[in-house]
Amino acid sequence: MSIALTNAQIRFLRGQAHDLKAMLQVGGKGITDALVAEVALALEHHELIKVKVGGADREDRDAMIDHLAARAEAALVQRIGHIAVLYRPSKDKRHIVLPRA
């Protein structure tokens, strides 16, 4: 399941994520099943989260962010340095109403 977002929706979500603090941090163990489960739970409750990814190399960070987004079935909204913004609509109760495409 891939979430396709328009440019207007990405711009809206970046604005919503501006004041958020990073909820989770990817450490030295990398992306584990427990981390993916925690990201999925946070996305179900909040729909929009920031994740801090450690790593010295930019390519490694980008690969970890892409892998985490794919495993959590989330859309990557933005990536700046060590911080990634992920979005996935809640299955039970939607908190964020996206602008129309």
N, C-alpha and C. Protein backbone atom coordinates (compact mmCIF):
# COMPACT_ATOMS: atom_id res chain seq x y z
N MET A 1 0.85 -1.18 0.00
CA MET A 1 0.00 0.00 0.00
C MET A 1 0.89 1.23 0.00
N SER A 2 0.76 2.00 -1.05
CA SER A 2 1.55 3.23 -1.15
C SER A 2 0.61 4.42 -1.11
N ILE A 3 0.97 5.41 -0.34
CA ILE A 3 0.14 6.60 -0.21
C ILE A 3 0.67 7.63 -1.19
N ALA A 4 -0.17 8.02 -2.13
CA ALA A 4 0.22 9.04 -3.11
C ALA A 4 -0.31 10.38 -2.63
N LEU A 5 0.59 11.33 -2.46
CA LEU A 5 0.22 12.67 -2.02
C LEU A 5 0.51 13.68 -3.12
N THR A 6 -0.37 14.65 -3.26
CA THR A 6 -0.14 15.71 -4.22
C THR A 6 0.81 16.74 -3.61
N ASN A 7 1.30 17.65 -4.43
CA ASN A 7 2.19 18.69 -3.92
C ASN A 7 1.49 19.58 -2.89
N ALA A 8 0.21 19.87 -3.11
CA ALA A 8 -0.54 20.69 -2.15
C ALA A 8 -0.68 19.96 -0.82
N GLN A 9 -0.91 18.66 -0.86
CA GLN A 9 -1.04 17.89 0.38
C GLN A 9 0.29 17.79 1.11
N ILE A 10 1.37 17.64 0.37
CA ILE A 10 2.70 17.61 0.99
C ILE A 10 3.01 18.94 1.65
N ARG A 11 2.70 20.03 0.97
CA ARG A 11 2.92 21.37 1.52
C ARG A 11 2.10 21.56 2.80
N PHE A 12 0.84 21.10 2.80
CA PHE A 12 -0.03 21.19 3.97
C PHE A 12 0.55 20.39 5.14
N LEU A 13 0.99 19.16 4.86
CA LEU A 13 1.54 18.30 5.92
C LEU A 13 2.86 18.85 6.46
N ARG A 14 3.69 19.44 5.61
CA ARG A 14 4.93 20.05 6.10
C ARG A 14 4.62 21.18 7.06
N GLY A 15 3.58 21.96 6.76
CA GLY A 15 3.17 23.03 7.67
C GLY A 15 2.67 22.48 9.00
N GLN A 16 1.92 21.38 8.95
CA GLN A 16 1.41 20.76 10.18
C GLN A 16 2.55 20.18 11.03
N ALA A 17 3.60 19.70 10.37
CA ALA A 17 4.70 19.05 11.08
C ALA A 17 5.73 20.03 11.62
N HIS A 18 5.62 21.29 11.25
CA HIS A 18 6.64 22.26 11.61
C HIS A 18 6.92 22.32 13.11
N ASP A 19 5.87 22.32 13.93
CA ASP A 19 6.03 22.47 15.38
C ASP A 19 6.21 21.15 16.11
N LEU A 20 6.17 20.03 15.41
CA LEU A 20 6.32 18.73 16.06
C LEU A 20 7.77 18.49 16.48
N LYS A 21 7.92 17.75 17.54
CA LYS A 21 9.24 17.28 17.97
C LYS A 21 9.39 15.83 17.50
N ALA A 22 10.62 15.39 17.34
CA ALA A 22 10.86 14.02 16.92
C ALA A 22 10.38 13.06 18.01
N MET A 23 9.49 12.14 17.64
CA MET A 23 8.91 11.20 18.61
C MET A 23 9.80 9.99 18.82
N LEU A 24 10.44 9.53 17.78
CA LEU A 24 11.23 8.31 17.85
C LEU A 24 12.62 8.56 17.28
N GLN A 25 13.55 7.73 17.69
CA GLN A 25 14.92 7.87 17.22
C GLN A 25 15.44 6.50 16.81
N VAL A 26 16.02 6.45 15.61
CA VAL A 26 16.63 5.22 15.13
C VAL A 26 18.06 5.21 15.62
N GLY A 27 18.41 4.19 16.40
CA GLY A 27 19.73 4.13 17.02
C GLY A 27 20.70 3.27 16.26
N GLY A 28 21.67 2.78 16.97
CA GLY A 28 22.75 2.00 16.39
C GLY A 28 22.33 0.64 15.87
N LYS A 29 21.22 0.11 16.38
CA LYS A 29 20.75 -1.20 15.93
C LYS A 29 20.04 -1.10 14.59
N GLY A 30 19.76 0.11 14.14
CA GLY A 30 19.09 0.27 12.86
C GLY A 30 17.59 0.06 13.00
N ILE A 31 16.99 -0.40 11.91
CA ILE A 31 15.54 -0.57 11.86
C ILE A 31 15.21 -2.00 12.25
N THR A 32 14.65 -2.13 13.45
CA THR A 32 14.27 -3.44 13.97
C THR A 32 12.76 -3.60 13.86
N ASP A 33 12.28 -4.81 14.11
CA ASP A 33 10.84 -5.06 14.11
C ASP A 33 10.14 -4.26 15.20
N ALA A 34 10.78 -4.12 16.34
CA ALA A 34 10.20 -3.34 17.45
C ALA A 34 10.07 -1.87 17.06
N LEU A 35 11.06 -1.34 16.37
CA LEU A 35 10.99 0.06 15.94
C LEU A 35 9.87 0.25 14.93
N VAL A 36 9.74 -0.66 13.98
CA VAL A 36 8.67 -0.56 12.98
C VAL A 36 7.31 -0.64 13.65
N ALA A 37 7.16 -1.51 14.64
CA ALA A 37 5.90 -1.62 15.37
C ALA A 37 5.60 -0.33 16.13
N GLU A 38 6.62 0.27 16.72
CA GLU A 38 6.43 1.53 17.46
C GLU A 38 6.06 2.67 16.51
N VAL A 39 6.69 2.72 15.35
CA VAL A 39 6.36 3.73 14.35
C VAL A 39 4.92 3.54 13.87
N ALA A 40 4.53 2.30 13.62
CA ALA A 40 3.16 2.03 13.18
C ALA A 40 2.14 2.45 14.23
N LEU A 41 2.45 2.19 15.50
CA LEU A 41 1.55 2.59 16.59
C LEU A 41 1.46 4.11 16.69
N ALA A 42 2.59 4.79 16.59
CA ALA A 42 2.60 6.26 16.65
C ALA A 42 1.84 6.85 15.46
N LEU A 43 2.00 6.27 14.28
CA LEU A 43 1.27 6.75 13.12
C LEU A 43 -0.23 6.52 13.26
N GLU A 44 -0.61 5.42 13.87
CA GLU A 44 -2.04 5.15 14.07
C GLU A 44 -2.66 6.16 15.01
N HIS A 45 -1.92 6.59 16.04
CA HIS A 45 -2.44 7.55 17.00
C HIS A 45 -2.35 8.99 16.50
N HIS A 46 -1.24 9.34 15.84
CA HIS A 46 -0.99 10.74 15.50
C HIS A 46 -1.09 11.06 14.02
N GLU A 47 -0.95 10.07 13.17
CA GLU A 47 -0.98 10.18 11.70
C GLU A 47 0.23 10.88 11.11
N LEU A 48 0.81 11.84 11.81
CA LEU A 48 1.95 12.60 11.31
C LEU A 48 3.01 12.65 12.41
N ILE A 49 4.19 12.10 12.13
CA ILE A 49 5.24 12.04 13.15
C ILE A 49 6.59 12.42 12.55
N LYS A 50 7.49 12.81 13.44
CA LYS A 50 8.88 13.05 13.06
C LYS A 50 9.72 11.95 13.68
N VAL A 51 10.68 11.47 12.89
CA VAL A 51 11.59 10.42 13.35
C VAL A 51 13.01 10.93 13.14
N LYS A 52 13.85 10.79 14.17
CA LYS A 52 15.26 11.18 14.06
C LYS A 52 16.08 9.95 13.73
N VAL A 53 16.86 10.06 12.67
CA VAL A 53 17.64 8.92 12.19
C VAL A 53 19.11 9.23 12.37
N GLY A 54 19.80 8.37 13.13
CA GLY A 54 21.24 8.53 13.31
C GLY A 54 21.98 7.90 12.16
N GLY A 55 23.14 8.39 11.92
CA GLY A 55 23.96 7.85 10.84
C GLY A 55 24.87 8.94 10.32
N ALA A 56 26.11 8.61 10.09
CA ALA A 56 27.06 9.62 9.67
C ALA A 56 26.97 9.91 8.17
N ASP A 57 26.59 8.90 7.40
CA ASP A 57 26.59 9.03 5.96
C ASP A 57 25.19 9.37 5.45
N ARG A 58 25.08 10.33 4.56
CA ARG A 58 23.79 10.77 4.03
C ARG A 58 23.07 9.63 3.29
N GLU A 59 23.80 8.85 2.50
CA GLU A 59 23.18 7.76 1.76
C GLU A 59 22.61 6.69 2.70
N ASP A 60 23.32 6.41 3.79
CA ASP A 60 22.83 5.45 4.77
C ASP A 60 21.55 5.96 5.43
N ARG A 61 21.53 7.24 5.80
CA ARG A 61 20.33 7.83 6.41
C ARG A 61 19.16 7.77 5.45
N ASP A 62 19.39 8.15 4.20
CA ASP A 62 18.31 8.13 3.21
C ASP A 62 17.78 6.72 3.00
N ALA A 63 18.67 5.74 2.96
CA ALA A 63 18.24 4.35 2.78
C ALA A 63 17.43 3.88 3.99
N MET A 64 17.87 4.24 5.20
CA MET A 64 17.13 3.85 6.40
C MET A 64 15.76 4.51 6.44
N ILE A 65 15.68 5.78 6.06
CA ILE A 65 14.39 6.48 6.05
C ILE A 65 13.45 5.84 5.04
N ASP A 66 13.95 5.56 3.84
CA ASP A 66 13.10 4.93 2.82
C ASP A 66 12.64 3.54 3.27
N HIS A 67 13.54 2.78 3.89
CA HIS A 67 13.20 1.44 4.37
C HIS A 67 12.15 1.52 5.48
N LEU A 68 12.31 2.46 6.40
CA LEU A 68 11.36 2.61 7.49
C LEU A 68 9.99 3.02 6.97
N ALA A 69 9.94 3.95 6.03
CA ALA A 69 8.66 4.39 5.46
C ALA A 69 7.97 3.24 4.74
N ALA A 70 8.74 2.44 4.01
CA ALA A 70 8.15 1.31 3.29
C ALA A 70 7.62 0.25 4.25
N ARG A 71 8.38 -0.07 5.29
CA ARG A 71 7.94 -1.11 6.24
C ARG A 71 6.76 -0.65 7.08
N ALA A 72 6.67 0.66 7.34
CA ALA A 72 5.56 1.19 8.14
C ALA A 72 4.37 1.55 7.25
N GLU A 73 4.50 1.35 5.94
CA GLU A 73 3.46 1.70 4.97
C GLU A 73 3.03 3.14 5.11
N ALA A 74 4.02 4.03 5.21
CA ALA A 74 3.78 5.45 5.40
C ALA A 74 4.37 6.24 4.23
N ALA A 75 3.88 7.44 4.07
CA ALA A 75 4.40 8.33 3.04
C ALA A 75 5.47 9.22 3.66
N LEU A 76 6.57 9.37 2.96
CA LEU A 76 7.62 10.28 3.40
C LEU A 76 7.24 11.68 2.94
N VAL A 77 6.97 12.56 3.90
CA VAL A 77 6.54 13.92 3.58
C VAL A 77 7.75 14.80 3.36
N GLN A 78 8.73 14.69 4.25
CA GLN A 78 9.88 15.59 4.20
C GLN A 78 11.05 14.93 4.90
N ARG A 79 12.23 15.28 4.44
CA ARG A 79 13.45 14.81 5.09
C ARG A 79 14.43 15.98 5.10
N ILE A 80 14.86 16.34 6.29
CA ILE A 80 15.85 17.42 6.44
C ILE A 80 16.91 16.91 7.40
N GLY A 81 18.10 16.72 6.89
CA GLY A 81 19.20 16.26 7.74
C GLY A 81 18.90 14.91 8.35
N HIS A 82 18.85 14.88 9.68
CA HIS A 82 18.61 13.64 10.41
C HIS A 82 17.12 13.40 10.71
N ILE A 83 16.25 14.32 10.33
CA ILE A 83 14.83 14.25 10.68
C ILE A 83 13.99 13.90 9.45
N ALA A 84 13.08 12.93 9.63
CA ALA A 84 12.14 12.56 8.58
C ALA A 84 10.72 12.74 9.11
N VAL A 85 9.83 13.21 8.25
CA VAL A 85 8.42 13.37 8.59
C VAL A 85 7.65 12.30 7.84
N LEU A 86 6.90 11.48 8.58
CA LEU A 86 6.13 10.39 8.00
C LEU A 86 4.65 10.62 8.23
N TYR A 87 3.84 10.24 7.23
CA TYR A 87 2.37 10.39 7.32
C TYR A 87 1.70 9.09 6.90
N ARG A 88 0.71 8.69 7.68
CA ARG A 88 -0.17 7.59 7.30
C ARG A 88 -1.52 7.84 7.95
N PRO A 89 -2.59 7.86 7.16
CA PRO A 89 -3.91 8.10 7.77
C PRO A 89 -4.29 6.96 8.71
N SER A 90 -4.97 7.31 9.78
CA SER A 90 -5.40 6.33 10.77
C SER A 90 -6.51 5.46 10.19
N LYS A 91 -6.53 4.20 10.58
CA LYS A 91 -7.57 3.30 10.11
C LYS A 91 -8.88 3.51 10.88
N ASP A 92 -8.76 3.91 12.14
CA ASP A 92 -9.94 4.05 13.00
C ASP A 92 -10.53 5.46 12.95
N LYS A 93 -9.72 6.45 13.30
CA LYS A 93 -10.22 7.81 13.41
C LYS A 93 -9.22 8.76 12.79
N ARG A 94 -9.63 9.45 11.75
CA ARG A 94 -8.72 10.37 11.06
C ARG A 94 -8.71 11.72 11.78
N HIS A 95 -7.51 12.19 12.09
CA HIS A 95 -7.34 13.46 12.77
C HIS A 95 -7.02 14.58 11.78
N ILE A 96 -6.31 14.24 10.73
CA ILE A 96 -5.85 15.24 9.76
C ILE A 96 -6.69 15.10 8.50
N VAL A 97 -7.30 16.20 8.09
CA VAL A 97 -8.07 16.23 6.85
C VAL A 97 -7.22 16.91 5.80
N LEU A 98 -6.84 16.15 4.80
CA LEU A 98 -5.97 16.68 3.74
C LEU A 98 -6.76 17.52 2.77
N PRO A 99 -6.12 18.54 2.17
CA PRO A 99 -6.78 19.30 1.12
C PRO A 99 -7.03 18.40 -0.09
N ARG A 100 -8.02 18.75 -0.88
CA ARG A 100 -8.34 17.94 -2.05
C ARG A 100 -7.22 17.99 -3.07
N ALA A 101 -7.12 16.94 -3.83
CA ALA A 101 -6.07 16.84 -4.85
C ALA A 101 -6.30 17.80 -5.99
